[in-house]
Structures are given as C-alpha cells and as structure tokens.
Amino acid sequence: MSNLQKALESGKFAITAEMAPPKGVDFSHQIAVVEQLRGKVDACNVTDYQSSSLKASSIGLCIKLIQLGIEPVLQMTGRDRSRMAIQGDFMAAAAFGIENILALTGDHPTVGDCPESKPVYDLDSVGILRAAVQLTTGFDCGGNKLDGAAPYYYLGACTTPVYDPVELQLMKMKKKIDAGAKFFQTQGVYEAEPMKPFMEMAEKYGVYLMAGIIPCKTAAMAKYMSNNVPGIRVPEYQIERLKAAAAKVPADDPNVKKLKAAVQEAEGITMSAEFLAELKEKGLCHGAHIMAIGAEENVPKILAEAGF
C-alpha cells in the first residue's frame, strides 16, 4: 500500500505536489526539488508530456524519485500510447515499486511544441483505468496470463469542479469511479463553493478528493489562466489583490519590475495558503494537490503559511 493511499484512508489531510521532467537529460533541478519537498508531501506527481510538450518520460523521473526516497504518482496519458504500450509501462512501473497512477486522456499534440506528432488515443482516461485494473487480475489486454504475481496499483483520475454544466463532470467522475479510480485530483480551483458537489460524490462512493491548487505568480498569469485555460476561473477580486500588492512598489525604484514580480508571487503564496486552510477547515476535500509550475520551492512556504 502506497503512502498516499495510507494517508487518505487514515483520514489524514493528504498533500501531493507536482513536478515536470526536464526537457533534456539533466535531472539536477528535479533532484534539488526533492530535498525541498522531502517530509512535506505524501507523494509527488510526475507529469506526462504536460500540455503536449516533449520532455523526458514520466516513468523515468518516477524511477529517479523512488531511488531518492520520494513516492511518485505516475501520470499516464492516452495521447501517445496504444493499450499495449500503456500496459507495458504499467508493468515496468510496478517492477520499480511505483503504485500510484493518475489516468489522463491528454491534450492533443497540436497544442504542444511538437505539433506534427501523431496522436494515438487508443484509450481515454477511463480506458487507462480499466487497463490497469485488468493487469491486477493477472492478465494483459490480449487475455494472456502474466508471469509471476499480479501488480497492484492505487488508481486516480482528474475532475474539473469549475465546469458548465457541472452535472456532466459529475457523470464523468462516476464513470472513472466505476472504472477503478480511488482518488481524484482536481483542476486548479480558487473558490470553495465549486468543490461541494464533488465532495458529496466522493463521500457517496467512498473515494477521495484532492483539491488542485495553482499559486498565481502575477496578476497577468491569473488573468491569462482565467481567460484561456479551460476549467480554471480566477475570481476578479483575487486578480485585483495581486495588482494591489504590485502597486505598493514605488514606481521610481530601479528594480521595480523585479520587485513587483516578487511581491505578487509572495501574495499568491499567501492566497493559496489561505485557500488551503479554508478547504481543510470546511471539510471540502480529503487533501490538496499543489501545482507550483516550476516553483516547487514555494510548496513548503504554502504549507507553512496554511498551518501544516
């Protein structure tokens, strides 16, 4: 049983962070991040060609995290692999002690940095969950018996609380539960109210819900995400709060741009910490998934400000 599963099932408010593999072969930054997250998180998600951008493989960094003593969550998309390749990666993951899996359909290659790459989409997120469950029975996608013991996985999926109509997302969530999902990590949320129906669904079916938290580094970032990223809505009052923080920096300061960025990032950390504490206090989720997007050093700061 993974640490993440133990944390959630024991009633602990679980914390996961997110880390992207490098665009290359130098893992030094990721190794440094491990030391900052050690003892602060229950597991660390490793993205799988996030936003269809080519990087080192998720399973490669997951193995490195295992070697460094940090529990990974292997993200697996259906965009780039057939069901045979997916099950092959799952078996390799189990051989290295990787139990946590997050199933994703994946963004289309045309939105990424290798737009000529051909998509596969043999399986969507529901199909990926079923493929993992199938392996746990001791058989592969062709009905062939596996050599040795069957692997074990703790399966998760994603859901999007800010969605219209919300009933459609709840239907998708139920399909993923039926396919084998035991925990859910949400798209980034900024207000508590949208979490309520998803928490009710989780409680009804005995699964666990982790709220996605994306700290806003600047007002411009917050506005861009709110306007351009499906499923994310940053309230206007929060954008104004970031602007107000930046406005306190004297316009004649020689380092005005750098200082404005720094004070906005600090305000974003405080806002995320306040929201994290609110979610826990109101019992609107079983844990949080913090996506710092290249600023993983801020995760411990958020947790400390939130009282963890």
C-alpha atoms as a PDB file:
ATOM      1  CA  MET A   1       0.000   0.000   0.000  1.00  0.00           C
ATOM      2  CA  SER A   2       1.397   3.381  -1.012  1.00  0.00           C
ATOM      3  CA  ASN A   3       1.967   6.263   1.395  1.00  0.00           C
ATOM      4  CA  LEU A   4      -0.665   8.266  -0.461  1.00  0.00           C
ATOM      5  CA  GLN A   5      -3.247   5.524  -0.036  1.00  0.00           C
ATOM      6  CA  LYS A   6      -2.365   5.154   3.650  1.00  0.00           C
ATOM      7  CA  ALA A   7      -2.653   8.906   4.211  1.00  0.00           C
ATOM      8  CA  LEU A   8      -6.044   9.216   2.536  1.00  0.00           C
ATOM      9  CA  GLU A   9      -7.534   6.086   4.076  1.00  0.00           C
ATOM     10  CA  SER A  10      -6.307   7.030   7.561  1.00  0.00           C
ATOM     11  CA  GLY A  11      -8.166  10.345   7.415  1.00  0.00           C
ATOM     12  CA  LYS A  12      -5.037  12.472   7.174  1.00  0.00           C
ATOM     13  CA  PHE A  13      -5.343  15.587   5.003  1.00  0.00           C
ATOM     14  CA  ALA A  14      -3.034  14.361   2.252  1.00  0.00           C
ATOM     15  CA  ILE A  15      -0.712  16.612   0.276  1.00  0.00           C
ATOM     16  CA  THR A  16       0.755  15.986  -3.148  1.00  0.00           C
ATOM     17  CA  ALA A  17       2.865  18.287  -5.288  1.00  0.00           C
ATOM     18  CA  GLU A  18       3.597  18.243  -8.993  1.00  0.00           C
ATOM     19  CA  MET A  19       6.898  18.058 -10.818  1.00  0.00           C
ATOM     20  CA  ALA A  20       7.734  18.060 -14.526  1.00  0.00           C
ATOM     21  CA  PRO A  21      10.621  16.080 -16.010  1.00  0.00           C
ATOM     22  CA  PRO A  22      13.303  18.148 -17.748  1.00  0.00           C
ATOM     23  CA  LYS A  23      13.371  18.939 -21.430  1.00  0.00           C
ATOM     24  CA  GLY A  24      16.634  17.088 -21.739  1.00  0.00           C
ATOM     25  CA  VAL A  25      18.712  14.666 -19.693  1.00  0.00           C
ATOM     26  CA  ASP A  26      19.785  16.868 -16.780  1.00  0.00           C
ATOM     27  CA  PHE A  27      17.726  15.943 -13.692  1.00  0.00           C
ATOM     28  CA  SER A  28      19.666  18.200 -11.311  1.00  0.00           C
ATOM     29  CA  HIS A  29      16.800  20.657 -10.772  1.00  0.00           C
ATOM     30  CA  GLN A  30      14.349  17.855 -10.026  1.00  0.00           C
ATOM     31  CA  ILE A  31      16.815  16.276  -7.598  1.00  0.00           C
ATOM     32  CA  ALA A  32      17.180  19.627  -5.791  1.00  0.00           C
ATOM     33  CA  VAL A  33      13.391  19.953  -5.607  1.00  0.00           C
ATOM     34  CA  VAL A  34      13.178  16.544  -3.935  1.00  0.00           C
ATOM     35  CA  GLU A  35      15.112  17.867  -0.950  1.00  0.00           C
ATOM     36  CA  GLN A  36      12.699  20.789  -0.627  1.00  0.00           C
ATOM     37  CA  LEU A  37       9.654  18.518  -0.700  1.00  0.00           C
ATOM     38  CA  ARG A  38      11.014  15.708   1.463  1.00  0.00           C
ATOM     39  CA  GLY A  39       8.851  15.243   4.549  1.00  0.00           C
ATOM     40  CA  LYS A  40       6.377  17.879   3.318  1.00  0.00           C
ATOM     41  CA  VAL A  41       4.296  15.848   0.846  1.00  0.00           C
ATOM     42  CA  ASP A  42       2.824  12.357   0.794  1.00  0.00           C
ATOM     43  CA  ALA A  43       3.634  11.875  -2.885  1.00  0.00           C
ATOM     44  CA  CYS A  44       4.757  13.809  -5.938  1.00  0.00           C
ATOM     45  CA  ASN A  45       3.002  13.708  -9.305  1.00  0.00           C
ATOM     46  CA  VAL A  46       5.245  13.461 -12.343  1.00  0.00           C
ATOM     47  CA  THR A  47       3.652  14.993 -15.420  1.00  0.00           C
ATOM     48  CA  ASP A  48       3.437  13.084 -18.705  1.00  0.00           C
ATOM     49  CA  TYR A  49       4.376  15.441 -21.557  1.00  0.00           C
ATOM     50  CA  GLN A  50       2.209  18.105 -19.929  1.00  0.00           C
ATOM     51  CA  SER A  51       0.424  20.371 -22.424  1.00  0.00           C
ATOM     52  CA  SER A  52       1.767  18.079 -25.168  1.00  0.00           C
ATOM     53  CA  SER A  53       5.294  19.431 -24.672  1.00  0.00           C
ATOM     54  CA  LEU A  54       8.145  16.987 -25.194  1.00  0.00           C
ATOM     55  CA  LYS A  55      10.202  16.255 -22.088  1.00  0.00           C
ATOM     56  CA  ALA A  56      11.865  13.248 -20.503  1.00  0.00           C
ATOM     57  CA  SER A  57       9.392  10.483 -19.752  1.00  0.00           C
ATOM     58  CA  SER A  58       7.232  10.427 -16.649  1.00  0.00           C
ATOM     59  CA  ILE A  59       8.250   6.888 -15.767  1.00  0.00           C
ATOM     60  CA  GLY A  60      11.945   7.853 -15.922  1.00  0.00           C
ATOM     61  CA  LEU A  61      11.573  10.609 -13.324  1.00  0.00           C
ATOM     62  CA  CYS A  62       9.266   8.413 -11.226  1.00  0.00           C
ATOM     63  CA  ILE A  63      12.032   5.828 -11.000  1.00  0.00           C
ATOM     64  CA  LYS A  64      14.516   8.548 -10.008  1.00  0.00           C
ATOM     65  CA  LEU A  65      12.141   9.731  -7.259  1.00  0.00           C
ATOM     66  CA  ILE A  66      11.821   6.171  -5.947  1.00  0.00           C
ATOM     67  CA  GLN A  67      15.620   5.993  -5.789  1.00  0.00           C
ATOM     68  CA  LEU A  68      15.694   9.291  -3.866  1.00  0.00           C
ATOM     69  CA  GLY A  69      13.078   8.158  -1.364  1.00  0.00           C
ATOM     70  CA  ILE A  70      10.117  10.222  -2.596  1.00  0.00           C
ATOM     71  CA  GLU A  71       6.907   8.441  -3.531  1.00  0.00           C
ATOM     72  CA  PRO A  72       5.783   9.272  -7.072  1.00  0.00           C
ATOM     73  CA  VAL A  73       2.411   9.406  -8.777  1.00  0.00           C
ATOM     74  CA  LEU A  74       2.862   8.250 -12.368  1.00  0.00           C
ATOM     75  CA  GLN A  75       0.731  10.303 -14.735  1.00  0.00           C
ATOM     76  CA  MET A  76      -0.275   8.307 -17.810  1.00  0.00           C
ATOM     77  CA  THR A  77      -1.963   9.824 -20.867  1.00  0.00           C
ATOM     78  CA  GLY A  78      -3.572   8.047 -23.761  1.00  0.00           C
ATOM     79  CA  ARG A  79      -2.342  10.572 -26.308  1.00  0.00           C
ATOM     80  CA  ASP A  80       0.975   8.906 -27.158  1.00  0.00           C
ATOM     81  CA  ARG A  81       0.498   5.205 -26.443  1.00  0.00           C
ATOM     82  CA  SER A  82      -1.504   2.197 -27.534  1.00  0.00           C
ATOM     83  CA  ARG A  83      -3.093  -0.004 -24.883  1.00  0.00           C
ATOM     84  CA  MET A  84      -0.181  -2.415 -25.279  1.00  0.00           C
ATOM     85  CA  ALA A  85       2.361   0.342 -24.582  1.00  0.00           C
ATOM     86  CA  ILE A  86       0.313   1.605 -21.623  1.00  0.00           C
ATOM     87  CA  GLN A  87       0.144  -1.824 -20.014  1.00  0.00           C
ATOM     88  CA  GLY A  88       3.842  -2.335 -20.720  1.00  0.00           C
ATOM     89  CA  ASP A  89       4.712   0.885 -18.896  1.00  0.00           C
ATOM     90  CA  PHE A  90       2.416  -0.086 -16.034  1.00  0.00           C
ATOM     91  CA  MET A  91       4.189  -3.419 -15.611  1.00  0.00           C
ATOM     92  CA  ALA A  92       7.589  -1.703 -15.667  1.00  0.00           C
ATOM     93  CA  ALA A  93       6.336   0.826 -13.108  1.00  0.00           C
ATOM     94  CA  ALA A  94       5.230  -1.944 -10.755  1.00  0.00           C
ATOM     95  CA  ALA A  95       8.636  -3.624 -11.080  1.00  0.00           C
ATOM     96  CA  PHE A  96      10.235  -0.432  -9.695  1.00  0.00           C
ATOM     97  CA  GLY A  97       7.732  -0.078  -6.850  1.00  0.00           C
ATOM     98  CA  ILE A  98       5.547   2.619  -8.432  1.00  0.00           C
ATOM     99  CA  GLU A  99       1.976   2.074  -7.232  1.00  0.00           C
ATOM    100  CA  ASN A 100       0.196   5.418  -7.649  1.00  0.00           C
ATOM    101  CA  ILE A 101      -1.172   6.081 -11.135  1.00  0.00           C
ATOM    102  CA  LEU A 102      -3.146   9.068 -12.391  1.00  0.00           C
ATOM    103  CA  ALA A 103      -5.025   8.366 -15.638  1.00  0.00           C
ATOM    104  CA  LEU A 104      -5.407  11.220 -18.146  1.00  0.00           C
ATOM    105  CA  THR A 105      -6.645  11.388 -21.709  1.00  0.00           C
ATOM    106  CA  GLY A 106      -4.073  14.067 -22.616  1.00  0.00           C
ATOM    107  CA  ASP A 107      -4.063  17.276 -24.647  1.00  0.00           C
ATOM    108  CA  HIS A 108      -3.877  16.982 -28.441  1.00  0.00           C
ATOM    109  CA  PRO A 109      -0.335  17.299 -29.898  1.00  0.00           C
ATOM    110  CA  THR A 110      -1.344  20.348 -31.940  1.00  0.00           C
ATOM    111  CA  VAL A 111      -1.356  22.474 -28.756  1.00  0.00           C
ATOM    112  CA  GLY A 112       2.198  21.467 -27.847  1.00  0.00           C
ATOM    113  CA  ASP A 113       5.733  22.028 -29.112  1.00  0.00           C
ATOM    114  CA  CYS A 114       5.823  19.003 -31.452  1.00  0.00           C
ATOM    115  CA  PRO A 115       2.560  19.600 -33.329  1.00  0.00           C
ATOM    116  CA  GLU A 116       3.427  17.136 -36.104  1.00  0.00           C
ATOM    117  CA  SER A 117       3.446  14.244 -33.626  1.00  0.00           C
ATOM    118  CA  LYS A 118       0.679  11.753 -34.402  1.00  0.00           C
ATOM    119  CA  PRO A 119      -1.840  11.207 -31.578  1.00  0.00           C
ATOM    120  CA  VAL A 120      -2.825   7.677 -30.585  1.00  0.00           C
ATOM    121  CA  TYR A 121      -5.773   7.930 -28.171  1.00  0.00           C
ATOM    122  CA  ASP A 122      -6.297   4.163 -28.216  1.00  0.00           C
ATOM    123  CA  LEU A 123      -7.593   4.585 -24.652  1.00  0.00           C
ATOM    124  CA  ASP A 124      -9.017   7.582 -22.848  1.00  0.00           C
ATOM    125  CA  SER A 125      -8.684   8.086 -19.091  1.00  0.00           C
ATOM    126  CA  VAL A 126     -11.475   5.590 -18.367  1.00  0.00           C
ATOM    127  CA  GLY A 127      -9.858   3.017 -20.647  1.00  0.00           C
ATOM    128  CA  ILE A 128      -6.482   3.554 -18.980  1.00  0.00           C
ATOM    129  CA  LEU A 129      -8.016   2.871 -15.565  1.00  0.00           C
ATOM    130  CA  ARG A 130      -9.571  -0.325 -16.890  1.00  0.00           C
ATOM    131  CA  ALA A 131      -6.261  -1.383 -18.426  1.00  0.00           C
ATOM    132  CA  ALA A 132      -4.559  -1.020 -15.034  1.00  0.00           C
ATOM    133  CA  VAL A 133      -7.315  -2.944 -13.271  1.00  0.00           C
ATOM    134  CA  GLN A 134      -7.015  -5.692 -15.870  1.00  0.00           C
ATOM    135  CA  LEU A 135      -3.334  -6.161 -15.041  1.00  0.00           C
ATOM    136  CA  THR A 136      -4.162  -6.543 -11.353  1.00  0.00           C
ATOM    137  CA  THR A 137      -6.200  -9.634 -12.264  1.00  0.00           C
ATOM    138  CA  GLY A 138      -3.044 -11.226 -13.676  1.00  0.00           C
ATOM    139  CA  PHE A 139      -3.901 -10.874 -17.371  1.00  0.00           C
ATOM    140  CA  ASP A 140      -2.967  -8.443 -20.152  1.00  0.00           C
ATOM    141  CA  CYS A 141      -5.099  -6.754 -22.822  1.00  0.00           C
ATOM    142  CA  GLY A 142      -4.898  -9.864 -25.003  1.00  0.00           C
ATOM    143  CA  GLY A 143      -6.149 -12.127 -22.241  1.00  0.00           C
ATOM    144  CA  ASN A 144      -2.694 -13.606 -21.716  1.00  0.00           C
ATOM    145  CA  LYS A 145      -1.587 -14.597 -18.221  1.00  0.00           C
ATOM    146  CA  LEU A 146       1.193 -12.527 -16.683  1.00  0.00           C
ATOM    147  CA  ASP A 147       4.369 -14.158 -15.441  1.00  0.00           C
ATOM    148  CA  GLY A 148       4.682 -14.077 -11.671  1.00  0.00           C
ATOM    149  CA  ALA A 149       2.498 -12.153  -9.265  1.00  0.00           C
ATOM    150  CA  ALA A 150      -0.076  -9.646 -10.491  1.00  0.00           C
ATOM    151  CA  PRO A 151       0.839  -5.976  -9.891  1.00  0.00           C
ATOM    152  CA  TYR A 152      -1.002  -3.645  -7.517  1.00  0.00           C
ATOM    153  CA  TYR A 153      -1.928  -0.047  -8.282  1.00  0.00           C
ATOM    154  CA  TYR A 154      -3.602   2.808  -6.430  1.00  0.00           C
ATOM    155  CA  LEU A 155      -5.551   4.451  -9.206  1.00  0.00           C
ATOM    156  CA  GLY A 156      -6.538   8.073  -9.559  1.00  0.00           C
ATOM    157  CA  ALA A 157      -8.078  10.419 -12.099  1.00  0.00           C
ATOM    158  CA  CYS A 158      -8.833  14.099 -12.614  1.00  0.00           C
ATOM    159  CA  THR A 159     -12.009  16.118 -12.446  1.00  0.00           C
ATOM    160  CA  THR A 160     -12.898  19.748 -13.091  1.00  0.00           C
ATOM    161  CA  PRO A 161     -15.116  21.476 -10.489  1.00  0.00           C
ATOM    162  CA  VAL A 162     -15.424  24.701 -12.492  1.00  0.00           C
ATOM    163  CA  TYR A 163     -17.458  23.371 -15.399  1.00  0.00           C
ATOM    164  CA  ASP A 164     -20.795  24.169 -17.000  1.00  0.00           C
ATOM    165  CA  PRO A 165     -22.859  22.091 -16.778  1.00  0.00           C
ATOM    166  CA  VAL A 166     -21.359  20.644 -13.615  1.00  0.00           C
ATOM    167  CA  GLU A 167     -23.573  17.559 -13.978  1.00  0.00           C
ATOM    168  CA  LEU A 168     -21.509  16.442 -16.964  1.00  0.00           C
ATOM    169  CA  GLN A 169     -18.307  16.448 -14.896  1.00  0.00           C
ATOM    170  CA  LEU A 170     -20.041  14.508 -12.131  1.00  0.00           C
ATOM    171  CA  MET A 171     -21.155  11.911 -14.700  1.00  0.00           C
ATOM    172  CA  LYS A 172     -17.581  11.597 -15.947  1.00  0.00           C
ATOM    173  CA  MET A 173     -16.357  11.273 -12.370  1.00  0.00           C
ATOM    174  CA  LYS A 174     -18.794   8.412 -11.780  1.00  0.00           C
ATOM    175  CA  LYS A 175     -17.561   6.616 -14.928  1.00  0.00           C
ATOM    176  CA  LYS A 176     -13.996   6.886 -13.647  1.00  0.00           C
ATOM    177  CA  ILE A 177     -15.044   5.536 -10.248  1.00  0.00           C
ATOM    178  CA  ASP A 178     -16.719   2.586 -11.959  1.00  0.00           C
ATOM    179  CA  ALA A 179     -13.521   2.015 -13.965  1.00  0.00           C
ATOM    180  CA  GLY A 180     -11.408   1.785 -10.812  1.00  0.00           C
ATOM    181  CA  ALA A 181     -10.441   5.291  -9.665  1.00  0.00           C
ATOM    182  CA  LYS A 182      -9.959   5.528  -5.895  1.00  0.00           C
ATOM    183  CA  PHE A 183      -8.815   9.139  -5.650  1.00  0.00           C
ATOM    184  CA  PHE A 184      -9.310  12.326  -7.660  1.00  0.00           C
ATOM    185  CA  GLN A 185      -7.149  15.384  -8.099  1.00  0.00           C
ATOM    186  CA  THR A 186      -8.996  18.409  -9.441  1.00  0.00           C
ATOM    187  CA  GLN A 187      -8.081  21.052 -11.952  1.00  0.00           C
ATOM    188  CA  GLY A 188      -6.933  24.235 -10.216  1.00  0.00           C
ATOM    189  CA  VAL A 189      -9.679  25.834  -8.125  1.00  0.00           C
ATOM    190  CA  TYR A 190      -9.730  29.215  -6.388  1.00  0.00           C
ATOM    191  CA  GLU A 191     -13.037  29.229  -4.527  1.00  0.00           C
ATOM    192  CA  ALA A 192     -14.571  26.733  -2.136  1.00  0.00           C
ATOM    193  CA  GLU A 193     -18.141  26.616  -3.448  1.00  0.00           C
ATOM    194  CA  PRO A 194     -17.466  24.545  -6.627  1.00  0.00           C
ATOM    195  CA  MET A 195     -15.912  21.775  -4.503  1.00  0.00           C
ATOM    196  CA  LYS A 196     -19.151  20.903  -2.691  1.00  0.00           C
ATOM    197  CA  PRO A 197     -20.904  18.638  -5.252  1.00  0.00           C
ATOM    198  CA  PHE A 198     -17.638  16.798  -5.963  1.00  0.00           C
ATOM    199  CA  MET A 199     -17.032  16.172  -2.276  1.00  0.00           C
ATOM    200  CA  GLU A 200     -20.587  14.857  -1.981  1.00  0.00           C
ATOM    201  CA  MET A 201     -19.886  12.487  -4.894  1.00  0.00           C
ATOM    202  CA  ALA A 202     -16.627  11.318  -3.287  1.00  0.00           C
ATOM    203  CA  GLU A 203     -18.296  10.683   0.052  1.00  0.00           C
ATOM    204  CA  LYS A 204     -21.173   8.824  -1.626  1.00  0.00           C
ATOM    205  CA  TYR A 205     -18.907   6.386  -3.454  1.00  0.00           C
ATOM    206  CA  GLY A 206     -16.099   6.049  -0.924  1.00  0.00           C
ATOM    207  CA  VAL A 207     -13.361   7.694  -2.975  1.00  0.00           C
ATOM    208  CA  TYR A 208     -11.046  10.565  -2.058  1.00  0.00           C
ATOM    209  CA  LEU A 209     -10.959  14.108  -3.411  1.00  0.00           C
ATOM    210  CA  MET A 210      -7.868  16.315  -3.537  1.00  0.00           C
ATOM    211  CA  ALA A 211      -8.300  19.961  -4.485  1.00  0.00           C
ATOM    212  CA  GLY A 212      -5.957  21.314  -7.131  1.00  0.00           C
ATOM    213  CA  ILE A 213      -4.158  24.497  -6.065  1.00  0.00           C
ATOM    214  CA  ILE A 214      -2.170  26.563  -8.569  1.00  0.00           C
ATOM    215  CA  PRO A 215      -0.463  29.554  -6.918  1.00  0.00           C
ATOM    216  CA  CYS A 216      -0.727  32.693  -9.058  1.00  0.00           C
ATOM    217  CA  LYS A 217       2.659  34.325  -9.515  1.00  0.00           C
ATOM    218  CA  THR A 218       1.315  37.547 -11.020  1.00  0.00           C
ATOM    219  CA  ALA A 219      -1.986  39.214 -11.852  1.00  0.00           C
ATOM    220  CA  ALA A 220      -1.176  38.738 -15.527  1.00  0.00           C
ATOM    221  CA  MET A 221      -0.749  34.993 -15.025  1.00  0.00           C
ATOM    222  CA  ALA A 222      -4.015  34.796 -13.101  1.00  0.00           C
ATOM    223  CA  LYS A 223      -5.889  36.699 -15.805  1.00  0.00           C
ATOM    224  CA  TYR A 224      -4.374  34.603 -18.584  1.00  0.00           C
ATOM    225  CA  MET A 225      -5.318  31.306 -16.918  1.00  0.00           C
ATOM    226  CA  SER A 226      -8.814  32.522 -16.185  1.00  0.00           C
ATOM    227  CA  ASN A 227      -9.349  33.592 -19.799  1.00  0.00           C
ATOM    228  CA  ASN A 228      -7.518  30.827 -21.653  1.00  0.00           C
ATOM    229  CA  VAL A 229      -7.277  27.619 -19.604  1.00  0.00           C
ATOM    230  CA  PRO A 230     -10.447  25.506 -19.682  1.00  0.00           C
ATOM    231  CA  GLY A 231     -11.736  24.660 -16.224  1.00  0.00           C
ATOM    232  CA  ILE A 232      -9.900  27.468 -14.420  1.00  0.00           C
ATOM    233  CA  ARG A 233     -11.609  30.603 -13.148  1.00  0.00           C
ATOM    234  CA  VAL A 234      -9.653  33.038 -11.004  1.00  0.00           C
ATOM    235  CA  PRO A 235     -12.104  35.472  -9.355  1.00  0.00           C
ATOM    236  CA  GLU A 236     -11.593  39.099 -10.273  1.00  0.00           C
ATOM    237  CA  TYR A 237     -11.129  40.125  -6.633  1.00  0.00           C
ATOM    238  CA  GLN A 238      -8.122  37.824  -6.399  1.00  0.00           C
ATOM    239  CA  ILE A 239      -6.597  39.324  -9.544  1.00  0.00           C
ATOM    240  CA  GLU A 240      -7.134  42.782  -8.048  1.00  0.00           C
ATOM    241  CA  ARG A 241      -5.445  41.651  -4.847  1.00  0.00           C
ATOM    242  CA  LEU A 242      -2.322  40.734  -6.817  1.00  0.00           C
ATOM    243  CA  LYS A 243      -2.432  44.070  -8.636  1.00  0.00           C
ATOM    244  CA  ALA A 244      -2.736  45.898  -5.315  1.00  0.00           C
ATOM    245  CA  ALA A 245       0.340  44.121  -3.987  1.00  0.00           C
ATOM    246  CA  ALA A 246       2.333  45.197  -7.043  1.00  0.00           C
ATOM    247  CA  ALA A 247       1.073  48.783  -6.751  1.00  0.00           C
ATOM    248  CA  LYS A 248       2.795  49.148  -3.388  1.00  0.00           C
ATOM    249  CA  VAL A 249       6.196  49.035  -5.062  1.00  0.00           C
ATOM    250  CA  PRO A 250       7.453  52.608  -5.746  1.00  0.00           C
ATOM    251  CA  ALA A 251       7.383  53.308  -9.474  1.00  0.00           C
ATOM    252  CA  ASP A 252      10.804  55.036  -9.320  1.00  0.00           C
ATOM    253  CA  ASP A 253      12.567  52.037  -7.754  1.00  0.00           C
ATOM    254  CA  PRO A 254      15.397  50.919 -10.087  1.00  0.00           C
ATOM    255  CA  ASN A 255      14.336  47.280  -9.595  1.00  0.00           C
ATOM    256  CA  VAL A 256      10.636  47.952  -9.963  1.00  0.00           C
ATOM    257  CA  LYS A 257       9.845  45.056 -12.327  1.00  0.00           C
ATOM    258  CA  LYS A 258      11.707  42.515 -10.221  1.00  0.00           C
ATOM    259  CA  LEU A 259      10.137  43.784  -7.002  1.00  0.00           C
ATOM    260  CA  LYS A 260       6.630  43.817  -8.461  1.00  0.00           C
ATOM    261  CA  ALA A 261       7.063  40.188  -9.532  1.00  0.00           C
ATOM    262  CA  ALA A 262       8.408  39.219  -6.100  1.00  0.00           C
ATOM    263  CA  VAL A 263       5.612  40.842  -4.088  1.00  0.00           C
ATOM    264  CA  GLN A 264       2.949  39.338  -6.359  1.00  0.00           C
ATOM    265  CA  GLU A 265       4.475  35.883  -6.007  1.00  0.00           C
ATOM    266  CA  ALA A 266       4.516  36.277  -2.215  1.00  0.00           C
ATOM    267  CA  GLU A 267       0.888  37.418  -2.257  1.00  0.00           C
ATOM    268  CA  GLY A 268      -0.013  34.433  -4.430  1.00  0.00           C
ATOM    269  CA  ILE A 269       1.605  32.114  -1.894  1.00  0.00           C
ATOM    270  CA  THR A 270      -0.430  33.712   0.898  1.00  0.00           C
ATOM    271  CA  MET A 271      -3.649  33.439  -1.118  1.00  0.00           C
ATOM    272  CA  SER A 272      -3.018  29.753  -1.805  1.00  0.00           C
ATOM    273  CA  ALA A 273      -2.252  29.129   1.864  1.00  0.00           C
ATOM    274  CA  GLU A 274      -5.461  30.855   2.943  1.00  0.00           C
ATOM    275  CA  PHE A 275      -7.479  28.802   0.470  1.00  0.00           C
ATOM    276  CA  LEU A 276      -5.808  25.560   1.527  1.00  0.00           C
ATOM    277  CA  ALA A 277      -6.625  26.260   5.178  1.00  0.00           C
ATOM    278  CA  GLU A 278     -10.225  27.121   4.247  1.00  0.00           C
ATOM    279  CA  LEU A 279     -10.712  23.884   2.319  1.00  0.00           C
ATOM    280  CA  LYS A 280      -9.431  21.828   5.217  1.00  0.00           C
ATOM    281  CA  GLU A 281     -11.423  23.738   7.824  1.00  0.00           C
ATOM    282  CA  LYS A 282     -14.670  23.378   5.875  1.00  0.00           C
ATOM    283  CA  GLY A 283     -14.064  19.708   5.080  1.00  0.00           C
ATOM    284  CA  LEU A 284     -14.461  20.232   1.334  1.00  0.00           C
ATOM    285  CA  CYS A 285     -11.780  17.751   0.305  1.00  0.00           C
ATOM    286  CA  HIS A 286      -9.574  14.975   1.668  1.00  0.00           C
ATOM    287  CA  GLY A 287      -6.336  16.619   0.623  1.00  0.00           C
ATOM    288  CA  ALA A 288      -4.703  19.040  -1.792  1.00  0.00           C
ATOM    289  CA  HIS A 289      -2.615  18.755  -4.919  1.00  0.00           C
ATOM    290  CA  ILE A 290      -0.316  21.772  -5.256  1.00  0.00           C
ATOM    291  CA  MET A 291       0.821  22.605  -8.788  1.00  0.00           C
ATOM    292  CA  ALA A 292       3.542  25.225  -8.430  1.00  0.00           C
ATOM    293  CA  ILE A 293       4.509  25.105 -12.143  1.00  0.00           C
ATOM    294  CA  GLY A 294       8.286  25.281 -11.912  1.00  0.00           C
ATOM    295  CA  ALA A 295       8.363  26.953  -8.486  1.00  0.00           C
ATOM    296  CA  GLU A 296       8.217  23.837  -6.309  1.00  0.00           C
ATOM    297  CA  GLU A 297      10.290  25.610  -3.680  1.00  0.00           C
ATOM    298  CA  ASN A 298       7.094  27.529  -2.851  1.00  0.00           C
ATOM    299  CA  VAL A 299       5.193  24.397  -1.814  1.00  0.00           C
ATOM    300  CA  PRO A 300       6.731  24.267   1.703  1.00  0.00           C
ATOM    301  CA  LYS A 301       6.011  28.015   2.074  1.00  0.00           C
ATOM    302  CA  ILE A 302       2.344  27.495   1.219  1.00  0.00           C
ATOM    303  CA  LEU A 303       2.062  24.595   3.658  1.00  0.00           C
ATOM    304  CA  ALA A 304       3.768  26.558   6.431  1.00  0.00           C
ATOM    305  CA  GLU A 305       1.525  29.604   5.965  1.00  0.00           C
ATOM    306  CA  ALA A 306      -1.525  27.327   5.942  1.00  0.00           C
ATOM    307  CA  GLY A 307      -0.528  25.908   9.311  1.00  0.00           C
ATOM    308  CA  PHE A 308       0.662  22.468   8.193  1.00  0.00           C
END
